Amino acid sequence: VHWLPLYCKKGRPSWQLQVICAHEDIERLQTIIFLETTTNGIRRQVMERVCLPRRFERVTTPWGEVSVKVATLPDGSERAAPEYEDCARLAREHGVPLQRVMQAAQAAALRFE
């Protein structure tokens, strides 16, 4: 769920609520939106999602362990995304820049193969 600021007719400021959900949750979420907002209508559209194969790993950095999500790209190469909260915690605890911890975790994940 997220919302976007926008302008409606006559230049009135407003918000656009966007909800992504599973098909089985549509009716329940529509009911919540109608009950909890002032809207009189909802636009719906069906979307498809394509996901890369991925796995989760724990890697060791000089400051401690970090969870990393590793995705396999269509050409077989991999991309690693360290978990922000793990990296932020280690950066605070050890007084090092967040980016340094994230880069170390990413490098460790891509060597982990």
PDB file of N, CA and C in Angstrom:
ATOM      1  N   VAL A   1       0.850  -1.174   0.000  1.00  0.00           N
ATOM      2  CA  VAL A   1       0.000   0.000   0.000  1.00  0.00           C
ATOM      3  C   VAL A   1       0.890   1.231   0.000  1.00  0.00           C
ATOM      4  N   HIS A   2       0.554   2.171  -0.836  1.00  0.00           N
ATOM      5  CA  HIS A   2       1.193   3.479  -0.776  1.00  0.00           C
ATOM      6  C   HIS A   2       0.222   4.512  -1.328  1.00  0.00           C
ATOM      7  N   TRP A   3       0.524   5.771  -1.085  1.00  0.00           N
ATOM      8  CA  TRP A   3      -0.331   6.814  -1.615  1.00  0.00           C
ATOM      9  C   TRP A   3       0.527   7.876  -2.278  1.00  0.00           C
ATOM     10  N   LEU A   4      -0.088   8.555  -3.244  1.00  0.00           N
ATOM     11  CA  LEU A   4       0.594   9.583  -4.010  1.00  0.00           C
ATOM     12  C   LEU A   4      -0.176  10.891  -3.881  1.00  0.00           C
ATOM     13  N   PRO A   5       0.510  11.995  -3.624  1.00  0.00           N
ATOM     14  CA  PRO A   5      -0.179  13.279  -3.622  1.00  0.00           C
ATOM     15  C   PRO A   5      -0.510  13.675  -5.062  1.00  0.00           C
ATOM     16  N   LEU A   6      -1.676  14.276  -5.272  1.00  0.00           N
ATOM     17  CA  LEU A   6      -2.066  14.722  -6.601  1.00  0.00           C
ATOM     18  C   LEU A   6      -3.058  15.858  -6.492  1.00  0.00           C
ATOM     19  N   TYR A   7      -3.361  16.445  -7.633  1.00  0.00           N
ATOM     20  CA  TYR A   7      -4.353  17.515  -7.681  1.00  0.00           C
ATOM     21  C   TYR A   7      -5.571  17.012  -8.430  1.00  0.00           C
ATOM     22  N   CYS A   8      -6.739  17.269  -7.878  1.00  0.00           N
ATOM     23  CA  CYS A   8      -7.998  16.894  -8.517  1.00  0.00           C
ATOM     24  C   CYS A   8      -8.552  18.096  -9.269  1.00  0.00           C
ATOM     25  N   LYS A   9      -9.803  17.970  -9.704  1.00  0.00           N
ATOM     26  CA  LYS A   9     -10.398  19.077 -10.440  1.00  0.00           C
ATOM     27  C   LYS A   9     -10.439  20.327  -9.565  1.00  0.00           C
ATOM     28  N   LYS A  10     -10.410  21.457 -10.225  1.00  0.00           N
ATOM     29  CA  LYS A  10     -10.381  22.770  -9.587  1.00  0.00           C
ATOM     30  C   LYS A  10      -9.126  22.964  -8.736  1.00  0.00           C
ATOM     31  N   GLY A  11      -8.086  22.175  -9.026  1.00  0.00           N
ATOM     32  CA  GLY A  11      -6.812  22.335  -8.343  1.00  0.00           C
ATOM     33  C   GLY A  11      -6.798  21.918  -6.886  1.00  0.00           C
ATOM     34  N   ARG A  12      -7.750  21.107  -6.476  1.00  0.00           N
ATOM     35  CA  ARG A  12      -7.810  20.673  -5.081  1.00  0.00           C
ATOM     36  C   ARG A  12      -6.760  19.596  -4.811  1.00  0.00           C
ATOM     37  N   PRO A  13      -6.006  19.756  -3.725  1.00  0.00           N
ATOM     38  CA  PRO A  13      -5.034  18.715  -3.387  1.00  0.00           C
ATOM     39  C   PRO A  13      -5.747  17.459  -2.896  1.00  0.00           C
ATOM     40  N   SER A  14      -5.166  16.306  -3.214  1.00  0.00           N
ATOM     41  CA  SER A  14      -5.781  15.042  -2.814  1.00  0.00           C
ATOM     42  C   SER A  14      -4.702  13.970  -2.726  1.00  0.00           C
ATOM     43  N   TRP A  15      -5.156  12.748  -2.495  1.00  0.00           N
ATOM     44  CA  TRP A  15      -4.268  11.591  -2.398  1.00  0.00           C
ATOM     45  C   TRP A  15      -4.832  10.466  -3.244  1.00  0.00           C
ATOM     46  N   GLN A  16      -3.943   9.709  -3.877  1.00  0.00           N
ATOM     47  CA  GLN A  16      -4.342   8.492  -4.585  1.00  0.00           C
ATOM     48  C   GLN A  16      -3.786   7.316  -3.799  1.00  0.00           C
ATOM     49  N   LEU A  17      -4.676   6.482  -3.309  1.00  0.00           N
ATOM     50  CA  LEU A  17      -4.294   5.285  -2.567  1.00  0.00           C
ATOM     51  C   LEU A  17      -4.108   4.151  -3.564  1.00  0.00           C
ATOM     52  N   GLN A  18      -2.956   3.482  -3.501  1.00  0.00           N
ATOM     53  CA  GLN A  18      -2.702   2.344  -4.382  1.00  0.00           C
ATOM     54  C   GLN A  18      -2.447   1.110  -3.520  1.00  0.00           C
ATOM     55  N   VAL A  19      -3.175   0.043  -3.825  1.00  0.00           N
ATOM     56  CA  VAL A  19      -3.076  -1.193  -3.058  1.00  0.00           C
ATOM     57  C   VAL A  19      -2.785  -2.333  -4.013  1.00  0.00           C
ATOM     58  N   ILE A  20      -1.770  -3.106  -3.731  1.00  0.00           N
ATOM     59  CA  ILE A  20      -1.470  -4.310  -4.500  1.00  0.00           C
ATOM     60  C   ILE A  20      -1.825  -5.487  -3.605  1.00  0.00           C
ATOM     61  N   CYS A  21      -2.634  -6.407  -4.118  1.00  0.00           N
ATOM     62  CA  CYS A  21      -3.060  -7.528  -3.271  1.00  0.00           C
ATOM     63  C   CYS A  21      -3.297  -8.774  -4.112  1.00  0.00           C
ATOM     64  N   ALA A  22      -3.408  -9.877  -3.408  1.00  0.00           N
ATOM     65  CA  ALA A  22      -3.750 -11.152  -4.050  1.00  0.00           C
ATOM     66  C   ALA A  22      -5.236 -11.137  -4.413  1.00  0.00           C
ATOM     67  N   HIS A  23      -5.583 -11.899  -5.437  1.00  0.00           N
ATOM     68  CA  HIS A  23      -6.970 -11.935  -5.914  1.00  0.00           C
ATOM     69  C   HIS A  23      -7.955 -12.250  -4.787  1.00  0.00           C
ATOM     70  N   GLU A  24      -7.584 -13.164  -3.914  1.00  0.00           N
ATOM     71  CA  GLU A  24      -8.513 -13.567  -2.852  1.00  0.00           C
ATOM     72  C   GLU A  24      -8.741 -12.484  -1.795  1.00  0.00           C
ATOM     73  N   ASP A  25      -7.929 -11.420  -1.797  1.00  0.00           N
ATOM     74  CA  ASP A  25      -8.077 -10.343  -0.809  1.00  0.00           C
ATOM     75  C   ASP A  25      -8.835  -9.133  -1.333  1.00  0.00           C
ATOM     76  N   ILE A  26      -9.226  -9.136  -2.601  1.00  0.00           N
ATOM     77  CA  ILE A  26      -9.839  -7.962  -3.218  1.00  0.00           C
ATOM     78  C   ILE A  26     -11.087  -7.497  -2.468  1.00  0.00           C
ATOM     79  N   GLU A  27     -12.038  -8.375  -2.259  1.00  0.00           N
ATOM     80  CA  GLU A  27     -13.305  -7.971  -1.631  1.00  0.00           C
ATOM     81  C   GLU A  27     -13.092  -7.411  -0.232  1.00  0.00           C
ATOM     82  N   ARG A  28     -12.252  -8.063   0.549  1.00  0.00           N
ATOM     83  CA  ARG A  28     -11.991  -7.613   1.921  1.00  0.00           C
ATOM     84  C   ARG A  28     -11.335  -6.229   1.929  1.00  0.00           C
ATOM     85  N   LEU A  29     -10.369  -6.023   1.052  1.00  0.00           N
ATOM     86  CA  LEU A  29      -9.683  -4.732   1.021  1.00  0.00           C
ATOM     87  C   LEU A  29     -10.559  -3.629   0.444  1.00  0.00           C
ATOM     88  N   GLN A  30     -11.382  -3.948  -0.532  1.00  0.00           N
ATOM     89  CA  GLN A  30     -12.336  -2.957  -1.047  1.00  0.00           C
ATOM     90  C   GLN A  30     -13.262  -2.488   0.054  1.00  0.00           C
ATOM     91  N   THR A  31     -13.744  -3.420   0.848  1.00  0.00           N
ATOM     92  CA  THR A  31     -14.638  -3.067   1.947  1.00  0.00           C
ATOM     93  C   THR A  31     -13.934  -2.127   2.922  1.00  0.00           C
ATOM     94  N   ILE A  32     -12.703  -2.436   3.265  1.00  0.00           N
ATOM     95  CA  ILE A  32     -11.945  -1.580   4.185  1.00  0.00           C
ATOM     96  C   ILE A  32     -11.767  -0.189   3.588  1.00  0.00           C
ATOM     97  N   ILE A  33     -11.423  -0.112   2.313  1.00  0.00           N
ATOM     98  CA  ILE A  33     -11.208   1.193   1.667  1.00  0.00           C
ATOM     99  C   ILE A  33     -12.500   2.009   1.670  1.00  0.00           C
ATOM    100  N   PHE A  34     -13.620   1.387   1.323  1.00  0.00           N
ATOM    101  CA  PHE A  34     -14.888   2.130   1.319  1.00  0.00           C
ATOM    102  C   PHE A  34     -15.280   2.582   2.723  1.00  0.00           C
ATOM    103  N   LEU A  35     -15.042   1.746   3.730  1.00  0.00           N
ATOM    104  CA  LEU A  35     -15.420   2.111   5.099  1.00  0.00           C
ATOM    105  C   LEU A  35     -14.489   3.148   5.721  1.00  0.00           C
ATOM    106  N   GLU A  36     -13.222   3.109   5.372  1.00  0.00           N
ATOM    107  CA  GLU A  36     -12.231   3.947   6.058  1.00  0.00           C
ATOM    108  C   GLU A  36     -11.796   5.196   5.293  1.00  0.00           C
ATOM    109  N   THR A  37     -12.288   5.386   4.061  1.00  0.00           N
ATOM    110  CA  THR A  37     -11.927   6.582   3.299  1.00  0.00           C
ATOM    111  C   THR A  37     -13.198   7.266   2.809  1.00  0.00           C
ATOM    112  N   THR A  38     -13.031   8.394   2.142  1.00  0.00           N
ATOM    113  CA  THR A  38     -14.181   9.118   1.604  1.00  0.00           C
ATOM    114  C   THR A  38     -14.464   8.774   0.149  1.00  0.00           C
ATOM    115  N   THR A  39     -13.762   7.803  -0.424  1.00  0.00           N
ATOM    116  CA  THR A  39     -13.922   7.499  -1.845  1.00  0.00           C
ATOM    117  C   THR A  39     -15.299   6.919  -2.153  1.00  0.00           C
ATOM    118  N   ASN A  40     -15.769   7.209  -3.362  1.00  0.00           N
ATOM    119  CA  ASN A  40     -17.018   6.635  -3.861  1.00  0.00           C
ATOM    120  C   ASN A  40     -16.760   5.618  -4.965  1.00  0.00           C
ATOM    121  N   GLY A  41     -15.496   5.425  -5.327  1.00  0.00           N
ATOM    122  CA  GLY A  41     -15.195   4.486  -6.396  1.00  0.00           C
ATOM    123  C   GLY A  41     -13.755   4.006  -6.328  1.00  0.00           C
ATOM    124  N   ILE A  42     -13.552   2.816  -6.860  1.00  0.00           N
ATOM    125  CA  ILE A  42     -12.231   2.193  -6.893  1.00  0.00           C
ATOM    126  C   ILE A  42     -11.978   1.718  -8.314  1.00  0.00           C
ATOM    127  N   ARG A  43     -10.815   2.065  -8.853  1.00  0.00           N
ATOM    128  CA  ARG A  43     -10.407   1.526 -10.151  1.00  0.00           C
ATOM    129  C   ARG A  43      -9.552   0.297  -9.887  1.00  0.00           C
ATOM    130  N   ARG A  44      -9.834  -0.783 -10.617  1.00  0.00           N
ATOM    131  CA  ARG A  44      -9.081  -2.022 -10.425  1.00  0.00           C
ATOM    132  C   ARG A  44      -8.472  -2.456 -11.737  1.00  0.00           C
ATOM    133  N   GLN A  45      -7.315  -3.099 -11.639  1.00  0.00           N
ATOM    134  CA  GLN A  45      -6.721  -3.731 -12.810  1.00  0.00           C
ATOM    135  C   GLN A  45      -5.910  -4.945 -12.374  1.00  0.00           C
ATOM    136  N   VAL A  46      -5.926  -5.951 -13.226  1.00  0.00           N
ATOM    137  CA  VAL A  46      -5.179  -7.175 -12.956  1.00  0.00           C
ATOM    138  C   VAL A  46      -3.784  -7.007 -13.540  1.00  0.00           C
ATOM    139  N   MET A  47      -2.791  -7.377 -12.755  1.00  0.00           N
ATOM    140  CA  MET A  47      -1.408  -7.274 -13.202  1.00  0.00           C
ATOM    141  C   MET A  47      -0.720  -8.614 -13.022  1.00  0.00           C
ATOM    142  N   GLU A  48       0.294  -8.826 -13.817  1.00  0.00           N
ATOM    143  CA  GLU A  48       1.137 -10.011 -13.666  1.00  0.00           C
ATOM    144  C   GLU A  48       2.458  -9.562 -13.069  1.00  0.00           C
ATOM    145  N   ARG A  49       3.118 -10.460 -12.391  1.00  0.00           N
ATOM    146  CA  ARG A  49       4.413 -10.163 -11.806  1.00  0.00           C
ATOM    147  C   ARG A  49       5.393 -11.242 -12.242  1.00  0.00           C
ATOM    148  N   VAL A  50       6.546 -10.817 -12.660  1.00  0.00           N
ATOM    149  CA  VAL A  50       7.621 -11.736 -13.039  1.00  0.00           C
ATOM    150  C   VAL A  50       8.722 -11.558 -12.004  1.00  0.00           C
ATOM    151  N   CYS A  51       9.146 -12.643 -11.386  1.00  0.00           N
ATOM    152  CA  CYS A  51      10.168 -12.588 -10.337  1.00  0.00           C
ATOM    153  C   CYS A  51      11.397 -13.387 -10.741  1.00  0.00           C
ATOM    154  N   LEU A  52      12.536 -12.872 -10.349  1.00  0.00           N
ATOM    155  CA  LEU A  52      13.771 -13.618 -10.539  1.00  0.00           C
ATOM    156  C   LEU A  52      13.873 -14.701  -9.476  1.00  0.00           C
ATOM    157  N   PRO A  53      14.484 -15.831  -9.801  1.00  0.00           N
ATOM    158  CA  PRO A  53      14.741 -16.826  -8.758  1.00  0.00           C
ATOM    159  C   PRO A  53      15.679 -16.204  -7.718  1.00  0.00           C
ATOM    160  N   ARG A  54      15.403 -16.469  -6.447  1.00  0.00           N
ATOM    161  CA  ARG A  54      16.251 -15.882  -5.414  1.00  0.00           C
ATOM    162  C   ARG A  54      16.396 -16.805  -4.231  1.00  0.00           C
ATOM    163  N   ARG A  55      17.433 -16.527  -3.466  1.00  0.00           N
ATOM    164  CA  ARG A  55      17.683 -17.289  -2.250  1.00  0.00           C
ATOM    165  C   ARG A  55      18.202 -16.324  -1.192  1.00  0.00           C
ATOM    166  N   PHE A  56      18.111 -16.734   0.043  1.00  0.00           N
ATOM    167  CA  PHE A  56      18.595 -15.917   1.154  1.00  0.00           C
ATOM    168  C   PHE A  56      19.804 -16.601   1.773  1.00  0.00           C
ATOM    169  N   GLU A  57      20.811 -15.813   2.073  1.00  0.00           N
ATOM    170  CA  GLU A  57      22.040 -16.341   2.666  1.00  0.00           C
ATOM    171  C   GLU A  57      22.446 -15.451   3.831  1.00  0.00           C
ATOM    172  N   ARG A  58      23.268 -16.003   4.709  1.00  0.00           N
ATOM    173  CA  ARG A  58      23.917 -15.230   5.767  1.00  0.00           C
ATOM    174  C   ARG A  58      25.388 -15.160   5.401  1.00  0.00           C
ATOM    175  N   VAL A  59      25.935 -13.958   5.363  1.00  0.00           N
ATOM    176  CA  VAL A  59      27.349 -13.791   5.049  1.00  0.00           C
ATOM    177  C   VAL A  59      28.033 -13.085   6.210  1.00  0.00           C
ATOM    178  N   THR A  60      29.328 -13.260   6.284  1.00  0.00           N
ATOM    179  CA  THR A  60      30.114 -12.643   7.350  1.00  0.00           C
ATOM    180  C   THR A  60      30.892 -11.459   6.799  1.00  0.00           C
ATOM    181  N   THR A  61      30.786 -10.339   7.486  1.00  0.00           N
ATOM    182  CA  THR A  61      31.570  -9.147   7.160  1.00  0.00           C
ATOM    183  C   THR A  61      32.554  -8.923   8.311  1.00  0.00           C
ATOM    184  N   PRO A  62      33.485  -7.997   8.170  1.00  0.00           N
ATOM    185  CA  PRO A  62      34.402  -7.708   9.282  1.00  0.00           C
ATOM    186  C   PRO A  62      33.683  -7.239  10.552  1.00  0.00           C
ATOM    187  N   TRP A  63      32.411  -6.846  10.436  1.00  0.00           N
ATOM    188  CA  TRP A  63      31.676  -6.309  11.588  1.00  0.00           C
ATOM    189  C   TRP A  63      30.601  -7.257  12.103  1.00  0.00           C
ATOM    190  N   GLY A  64      30.373  -8.374  11.422  1.00  0.00           N
ATOM    191  CA  GLY A  64      29.367  -9.333  11.858  1.00  0.00           C
ATOM    192  C   GLY A  64      28.593  -9.909  10.683  1.00  0.00           C
ATOM    193  N   GLU A  65      27.574 -10.720  11.001  1.00  0.00           N
ATOM    194  CA  GLU A  65      26.781 -11.393   9.969  1.00  0.00           C
ATOM    195  C   GLU A  65      25.659 -10.511   9.440  1.00  0.00           C
ATOM    196  N   VAL A  66      25.358 -10.697   8.139  1.00  0.00           N
ATOM    197  CA  VAL A  66      24.314  -9.945   7.457  1.00  0.00           C
ATOM    198  C   VAL A  66      23.501 -10.915   6.599  1.00  0.00           C
ATOM    199  N   SER A  67      22.191 -10.762   6.603  1.00  0.00           N
ATOM    200  CA  SER A  67      21.327 -11.504   5.677  1.00  0.00           C
ATOM    201  C   SER A  67      21.389 -10.819   4.316  1.00  0.00           C
ATOM    202  N   VAL A  68      21.458 -11.633   3.271  1.00  0.00           N
ATOM    203  CA  VAL A  68      21.558 -11.104   1.912  1.00  0.00           C
ATOM    204  C   VAL A  68      20.593 -11.868   1.015  1.00  0.00           C
ATOM    205  N   LYS A  69      19.889 -11.137   0.166  1.00  0.00           N
ATOM    206  CA  LYS A  69      19.029 -11.752  -0.839  1.00  0.00           C
ATOM    207  C   LYS A  69      19.830 -11.798  -2.136  1.00  0.00           C
ATOM    208  N   VAL A  70      19.970 -12.994  -2.707  1.00  0.00           N
ATOM    209  CA  VAL A  70      20.733 -13.169  -3.947  1.00  0.00           C
ATOM    210  C   VAL A  70      19.760 -13.589  -5.044  1.00  0.00           C
ATOM    211  N   ALA A  71      19.699 -12.775  -6.107  1.00  0.00           N
ATOM    212  CA  ALA A  71      18.811 -13.062  -7.238  1.00  0.00           C
ATOM    213  C   ALA A  71      19.647 -13.519  -8.425  1.00  0.00           C
ATOM    214  N   THR A  72      19.122 -14.493  -9.180  1.00  0.00           N
ATOM    215  CA  THR A  72      19.785 -14.974 -10.387  1.00  0.00           C
ATOM    216  C   THR A  72      19.151 -14.289 -11.589  1.00  0.00           C
ATOM    217  N   LEU A  73      19.969 -13.583 -12.349  1.00  0.00           N
ATOM    218  CA  LEU A  73      19.503 -12.846 -13.527  1.00  0.00           C
ATOM    219  C   LEU A  73      19.341 -13.805 -14.705  1.00  0.00           C
ATOM    220  N   PRO A  74      18.592 -13.399 -15.741  1.00  0.00           N
ATOM    221  CA  PRO A  74      18.347 -14.290 -16.883  1.00  0.00           C
ATOM    222  C   PRO A  74      19.608 -14.821 -17.556  1.00  0.00           C
ATOM    223  N   ASP A  75      20.710 -14.086 -17.498  1.00  0.00           N
ATOM    224  CA  ASP A  75      21.950 -14.562 -18.131  1.00  0.00           C
ATOM    225  C   ASP A  75      22.756 -15.473 -17.210  1.00  0.00           C
ATOM    226  N   GLY A  76      22.221 -15.779 -16.016  1.00  0.00           N
ATOM    227  CA  GLY A  76      22.904 -16.666 -15.084  1.00  0.00           C
ATOM    228  C   GLY A  76      23.764 -15.945 -14.061  1.00  0.00           C
ATOM    229  N   SER A  77      24.020 -14.665 -14.264  1.00  0.00           N
ATOM    230  CA  SER A  77      24.787 -13.901 -13.281  1.00  0.00           C
ATOM    231  C   SER A  77      23.902 -13.630 -12.064  1.00  0.00           C
ATOM    232  N   GLU A  78      24.521 -13.162 -10.994  1.00  0.00           N
ATOM    233  CA  GLU A  78      23.777 -12.942  -9.758  1.00  0.00           C
ATOM    234  C   GLU A  78      23.903 -11.503  -9.283  1.00  0.00           C
ATOM    235  N   ARG A  79      22.897 -11.084  -8.543  1.00  0.00           N
ATOM    236  CA  ARG A  79      22.861  -9.761  -7.937  1.00  0.00           C
ATOM    237  C   ARG A  79      22.521  -9.961  -6.461  1.00  0.00           C
ATOM    238  N   ALA A  80      23.266  -9.288  -5.582  1.00  0.00           N
ATOM    239  CA  ALA A  80      23.061  -9.452  -4.141  1.00  0.00           C
ATOM    240  C   ALA A  80      22.567  -8.155  -3.526  1.00  0.00           C
ATOM    241  N   ALA A  81      21.586  -8.266  -2.625  1.00  0.00           N
ATOM    242  CA  ALA A  81      21.039  -7.109  -1.916  1.00  0.00           C
ATOM    243  C   ALA A  81      21.077  -7.394  -0.414  1.00  0.00           C
ATOM    244  N   PRO A  82      21.995  -6.760   0.309  1.00  0.00           N
ATOM    245  CA  PRO A  82      22.068  -6.957   1.756  1.00  0.00           C
ATOM    246  C   PRO A  82      20.835  -6.384   2.446  1.00  0.00           C
ATOM    247  N   GLU A  83      20.433  -6.999   3.555  1.00  0.00           N
ATOM    248  CA  GLU A  83      19.297  -6.506   4.331  1.00  0.00           C
ATOM    249  C   GLU A  83      19.705  -5.216   5.042  1.00  0.00           C
ATOM    250  N   TYR A  84      18.954  -4.173   4.785  1.00  0.00           N
ATOM    251  CA  TYR A  84      19.275  -2.851   5.311  1.00  0.00           C
ATOM    252  C   TYR A  84      19.396  -2.852   6.832  1.00  0.00           C
ATOM    253  N   GLU A  85      18.420  -3.436   7.525  1.00  0.00           N
ATOM    254  CA  GLU A  85      18.411  -3.378   8.997  1.00  0.00           C
ATOM    255  C   GLU A  85      19.661  -4.021   9.600  1.00  0.00           C
ATOM    256  N   ASP A  86      20.092  -5.153   9.052  1.00  0.00           N
ATOM    257  CA  ASP A  86      21.316  -5.796   9.546  1.00  0.00           C
ATOM    258  C   ASP A  86      22.518  -4.875   9.367  1.00  0.00           C
ATOM    259  N   CYS A  87      22.635  -4.291   8.179  1.00  0.00           N
ATOM    260  CA  CYS A  87      23.774  -3.419   7.879  1.00  0.00           C
ATOM    261  C   CYS A  87      23.741  -2.153   8.736  1.00  0.00           C
ATOM    262  N   ALA A  88      22.570  -1.563   8.904  1.00  0.00           N
ATOM    263  CA  ALA A  88      22.445  -0.344   9.710  1.00  0.00           C
ATOM    264  C   ALA A  88      22.835  -0.614  11.158  1.00  0.00           C
ATOM    265  N   ARG A  89      22.406  -1.755  11.674  1.00  0.00           N
ATOM    266  CA  ARG A  89      22.741  -2.107  13.062  1.00  0.00           C
ATOM    267  C   ARG A  89      24.242  -2.250  13.234  1.00  0.00           C
ATOM    268  N   LEU A  90      24.891  -2.972  12.317  1.00  0.00           N
ATOM    269  CA  LEU A  90      26.334  -3.164  12.405  1.00  0.00           C
ATOM    270  C   LEU A  90      27.096  -1.842  12.236  1.00  0.00           C
ATOM    271  N   ALA A  91      26.620  -0.990  11.341  1.00  0.00           N
ATOM    272  CA  ALA A  91      27.272   0.305  11.131  1.00  0.00           C
ATOM    273  C   ALA A  91      27.206   1.148  12.403  1.00  0.00           C
ATOM    274  N   ARG A  92      26.049   1.159  13.051  1.00  0.00           N
ATOM    275  CA  ARG A  92      25.905   1.913  14.313  1.00  0.00           C
ATOM    276  C   ARG A  92      26.797   1.331  15.400  1.00  0.00           C
ATOM    277  N   GLU A  93      26.746   0.005  15.552  1.00  0.00           N
ATOM    278  CA  GLU A  93      27.516  -0.654  16.617  1.00  0.00           C
ATOM    279  C   GLU A  93      29.023  -0.446  16.473  1.00  0.00           C
ATOM    280  N   HIS A  94      29.516  -0.382  15.227  1.00  0.00           N
ATOM    281  CA  HIS A  94      30.960  -0.332  15.009  1.00  0.00           C
ATOM    282  C   HIS A  94      31.455   1.032  14.530  1.00  0.00           C
ATOM    283  N   GLY A  95      30.532   1.988  14.390  1.00  0.00           N
ATOM    284  CA  GLY A  95      30.923   3.334  13.992  1.00  0.00           C
ATOM    285  C   GLY A  95      31.535   3.422  12.605  1.00  0.00           C
ATOM    286  N   VAL A  96      31.008   2.623  11.688  1.00  0.00           N
ATOM    287  CA  VAL A  96      31.503   2.662  10.309  1.00  0.00           C
ATOM    288  C   VAL A  96      30.361   3.128   9.395  1.00  0.00           C
ATOM    289  N   PRO A  97      30.696   3.656   8.212  1.00  0.00           N
ATOM    290  CA  PRO A  97      29.646   4.098   7.282  1.00  0.00           C
ATOM    291  C   PRO A  97      28.768   2.922   6.836  1.00  0.00           C
ATOM    292  N   LEU A  98      27.486   3.188   6.748  1.00  0.00           N
ATOM    293  CA  LEU A  98      26.526   2.170   6.303  1.00  0.00           C
ATOM    294  C   LEU A  98      26.926   1.586   4.948  1.00  0.00           C
ATOM    295  N   GLN A  99      27.314   2.430   4.009  1.00  0.00           N
ATOM    296  CA  GLN A  99      27.671   1.953   2.672  1.00  0.00           C
ATOM    297  C   GLN A  99      28.839   0.977   2.709  1.00  0.00           C
ATOM    298  N   ARG A 100      29.748   1.178   3.622  1.00  0.00           N
ATOM    299  CA  ARG A 100      30.905   0.266   3.736  1.00  0.00           C
ATOM    300  C   ARG A 100      30.451  -1.133   4.156  1.00  0.00           C
ATOM    301  N   VAL A 101      29.530  -1.193   5.118  1.00  0.00           N
ATOM    302  CA  VAL A 101      28.997  -2.484   5.565  1.00  0.00           C
ATOM    303  C   VAL A 101      28.216  -3.140   4.435  1.00  0.00           C
ATOM    304  N   MET A 102      27.383  -2.362   3.733  1.00  0.00           N
ATOM    305  CA  MET A 102      26.575  -2.921   2.644  1.00  0.00           C
ATOM    306  C   MET A 102      27.459  -3.452   1.515  1.00  0.00           C
ATOM    307  N   GLN A 103      28.503  -2.718   1.167  1.00  0.00           N
ATOM    308  CA  GLN A 103      29.400  -3.170   0.108  1.00  0.00           C
ATOM    309  C   GLN A 103      30.144  -4.445   0.511  1.00  0.00           C
ATOM    310  N   ALA A 104      30.549  -4.532   1.775  1.00  0.00           N
ATOM    311  CA  ALA A 104      31.242  -5.734   2.251  1.00  0.00           C
ATOM    312  C   ALA A 104      30.308  -6.942   2.213  1.00  0.00           C
ATOM    313  N   ALA A 105      29.053  -6.747   2.601  1.00  0.00           N
ATOM    314  CA  ALA A 105      28.080  -7.846   2.588  1.00  0.00           C
ATOM    315  C   ALA A 105      27.793  -8.290   1.159  1.00  0.00           C
ATOM    316  N   GLN A 106      27.652  -7.334   0.262  1.00  0.00           N
ATOM    317  CA  GLN A 106      27.390  -7.669  -1.136  1.00  0.00           C
ATOM    318  C   GLN A 106      28.565  -8.437  -1.733  1.00  0.00           C
ATOM    319  N   ALA A 107      29.771  -7.981  -1.479  1.00  0.00           N
ATOM    320  CA  ALA A 107      30.960  -8.660  -1.993  1.00  0.00           C
ATOM    321  C   ALA A 107      31.068 -10.077  -1.431  1.00  0.00           C
ATOM    322  N   ALA A 108      30.779 -10.232  -0.136  1.00  0.00           N
ATOM    323  CA  ALA A 108      30.841 -11.563   0.483  1.00  0.00           C
ATOM    324  C   ALA A 108      29.807 -12.502  -0.117  1.00  0.00           C
ATOM    325  N   ALA A 109      28.633 -11.993  -0.420  1.00  0.00           N
ATOM    326  CA  ALA A 109      27.571 -12.821  -0.993  1.00  0.00           C
ATOM    327  C   ALA A 109      27.931 -13.289  -2.400  1.00  0.00           C
ATOM    328  N   LEU A 110      28.522 -12.413  -3.178  1.00  0.00           N
ATOM    329  CA  LEU A 110      28.842 -12.780  -4.557  1.00  0.00           C
ATOM    330  C   LEU A 110      30.055 -13.681  -4.644  1.00  0.00           C
ATOM    331  N   ARG A 111      30.887 -13.712  -3.605  1.00  0.00           N
ATOM    332  CA  ARG A 111      32.005 -14.663  -3.559  1.00  0.00           C
ATOM    333  C   ARG A 111      31.561 -15.988  -2.952  1.00  0.00           C
ATOM    334  N   PHE A 112      30.397 -16.011  -2.310  1.00  0.00           N
ATOM    335  CA  PHE A 112      29.908 -17.143  -1.530  1.00  0.00           C
ATOM    336  C   PHE A 112      29.601 -18.363  -2.376  1.00  0.00           C
ATOM    337  N   GLU A 113      29.366 -18.177  -3.669  1.00  0.00           N
ATOM    338  CA  GLU A 113      28.943 -19.247  -4.572  1.00  0.00           C
ATOM    339  C   GLU A 113      29.662 -20.472  -4.268  1.00  0.00           C
TER     340      GLU A 113
END
